[in-house]
Protein backbone atom coordinates (compact mmCIF):
# COMPACT_ATOMS: atom_id res chain seq x y z
CA MET A 1 0.00 0.00 0.00
CA LYS A 2 2.82 2.41 0.89
CA LEU A 3 4.86 1.53 -2.19
CA GLY A 4 1.87 2.12 -4.46
CA LEU A 5 1.33 5.60 -3.03
CA GLN A 6 5.04 6.35 -3.32
CA ILE A 7 5.02 5.36 -7.00
CA VAL A 8 1.91 7.42 -7.77
CA LEU A 9 3.31 10.48 -5.98
CA GLY A 10 6.68 10.06 -7.67
CA ILE A 11 5.06 9.99 -11.10
CA LEU A 12 2.68 12.87 -10.33
CA SER A 13 5.49 15.03 -8.95
CA VAL A 14 7.29 14.88 -12.29
CA ILE A 15 4.44 16.81 -13.96
CA PRO A 16 4.88 20.10 -12.06
CA LEU A 17 8.66 19.74 -12.29
CA VAL A 18 8.72 19.46 -16.09
CA VAL A 19 6.06 22.13 -16.61
CA SER A 20 7.83 24.43 -14.16
CA ILE A 21 11.27 24.08 -15.68
CA LEU A 22 9.77 24.96 -19.05
CA GLY A 23 7.86 27.84 -17.45
CA VAL A 24 10.93 29.29 -15.74
CA THR A 25 13.15 28.97 -18.80
CA GLN A 26 10.68 29.97 -21.52
CA GLY A 27 8.07 32.03 -19.69
CA LEU A 28 4.64 32.75 -21.09
CA ALA A 29 5.90 32.39 -24.66
CA LEU A 30 4.90 28.73 -24.34
CA ARG A 31 1.28 29.67 -23.71
CA LEU A 32 0.49 33.07 -25.17
CA PRO A 33 1.14 35.04 -28.32
CA GLU A 34 3.97 37.54 -27.92
CA GLU A 35 1.68 40.58 -28.10
CA ALA A 36 -0.33 39.32 -25.10
CA ILE A 37 2.71 39.02 -22.81
CA THR A 38 3.56 41.87 -20.47
CA PRO A 39 6.81 41.97 -18.50
CA GLN A 40 4.89 41.91 -15.20
CA PHE A 41 2.74 38.95 -16.22
CA ASP A 42 5.74 36.99 -17.53
CA SER A 43 7.73 37.76 -14.39
CA GLN A 44 4.90 36.61 -12.12
CA TYR A 45 4.40 33.44 -14.18
CA ARG A 46 8.10 32.52 -13.97
CA TYR A 47 8.09 33.25 -10.22
CA ILE A 48 5.15 30.91 -9.63
CA MET A 49 6.83 28.24 -11.75
CA GLY A 50 9.76 28.44 -9.33
CA TYR A 51 7.38 27.52 -6.51
CA TYR A 52 6.23 24.49 -8.48
CA ILE A 53 9.81 23.33 -8.81
CA SER A 54 10.21 23.51 -5.04
CA LEU A 55 6.91 21.64 -4.61
CA SER A 56 8.31 18.73 -6.61
CA LEU A 57 11.52 18.75 -4.57
CA VAL A 58 9.57 18.72 -1.29
CA ALA A 59 7.45 15.85 -2.59
CA TRP A 60 10.56 13.85 -3.46
CA TRP A 61 11.98 14.51 -0.01
CA MET A 62 8.71 13.36 1.59
CA ILE A 63 8.02 10.26 -0.54
CA PRO A 64 10.51 7.81 1.07
CA GLN A 65 8.80 8.19 4.45
CA ILE A 66 5.36 9.25 3.28
CA GLU A 67 3.66 7.70 6.32
CA ARG A 68 5.60 10.06 8.62
CA HIS A 69 4.73 13.30 6.86
CA ARG A 70 0.97 13.47 7.31
CA THR A 71 0.73 17.16 8.13
CA LEU A 72 3.07 18.29 5.38
CA PHE A 73 1.33 16.03 2.85
CA ARG A 74 -2.06 17.46 3.81
CA LEU A 75 -0.78 21.03 3.50
CA ILE A 76 0.67 20.37 0.07
CA GLY A 77 -2.38 18.35 -0.96
CA GLY A 78 -4.68 21.14 0.17
CA GLY A 79 -2.71 23.61 -1.92
CA VAL A 80 -2.95 21.35 -4.97
CA PHE A 81 -6.68 20.83 -4.39
CA PHE A 82 -7.42 24.54 -3.95
CA GLY A 83 -5.41 25.24 -7.09
CA GLY A 84 -7.77 22.82 -8.84
CA ILE A 85 -10.74 24.70 -7.37
CA GLY A 86 -9.30 27.89 -8.88
CA ARG A 87 -8.99 26.20 -12.27
CA ALA A 88 -12.55 24.88 -11.99
CA LEU A 89 -13.85 28.37 -11.18
CA SER A 90 -11.99 29.71 -14.21
CA TRP A 91 -13.43 26.92 -16.36
CA TRP A 92 -16.92 27.80 -15.15
CA SER A 93 -16.63 31.58 -15.43
CA VAL A 94 -14.32 32.07 -18.45
CA GLY A 95 -14.78 28.89 -20.47
CA SER A 96 -13.21 25.54 -21.14
CA PRO A 97 -9.43 25.43 -21.16
CA ASN A 98 -7.38 23.20 -23.45
CA PRO A 99 -7.58 19.42 -22.87
CA LEU A 100 -4.25 19.28 -21.03
CA THR A 101 -5.41 21.90 -18.52
CA MET A 102 -8.69 20.01 -18.11
CA PHE A 103 -6.64 16.89 -17.29
CA PHE A 104 -4.56 18.81 -14.72
CA THR A 105 -7.76 20.17 -13.16
CA VAL A 106 -9.17 16.67 -12.72
CA LEU A 107 -5.88 15.49 -11.18
CA GLU A 108 -5.81 18.43 -8.77
CA LEU A 109 -9.43 17.96 -7.72
CA SER A 110 -8.75 14.24 -7.16
CA PHE A 111 -5.86 14.90 -4.78
CA PRO A 112 -7.97 14.34 -1.63
CA LEU A 113 -8.14 10.67 -2.69
CA LEU A 114 -4.36 10.49 -2.27
CA MET A 115 -4.67 12.11 1.15
CA ILE A 116 -7.18 9.42 2.15
CA TRP A 117 -4.80 6.76 0.84
CA GLN A 118 -1.96 8.22 2.91
CA ALA A 119 -4.19 8.38 6.00
CA LYS A 120 -4.74 4.61 5.74
CA LEU A 121 -1.01 3.88 5.97
CA PRO A 122 0.19 2.58 9.35
CA ARG A 123 0.76 5.55 11.64
CA ARG A 124 4.24 6.57 12.68
CA GLN A 125 5.52 9.76 14.25
CA ASP A 126 4.18 12.80 12.36
CA VAL A 127 6.88 15.18 11.11
């Protein structure tokens, strides 16, 4: 049960890492036409992508002893879930995003299932 969760989290943590590295190095040019990009918007986007890189690194640090990091996992999971809520609100109010973003939204909104999975692991000292 623990190994399965570790594998799933390891795979899922690669997604924000790859997307973030591309975001930091290439900025909004990956997503928007050049005329739509402002320096402030590009700067903010690259800054946020830096946070996603650190999120992947924290996940990798946590994965080997996932049963010990309940509080940290729930904090990170809550952030991922609320990010998905934000995407869902955008989807509802602005319109459907591209299929890849729809996929990410579903993953993010499903994150509480991983938190339930982690909660079922044998308890050890919380870190």
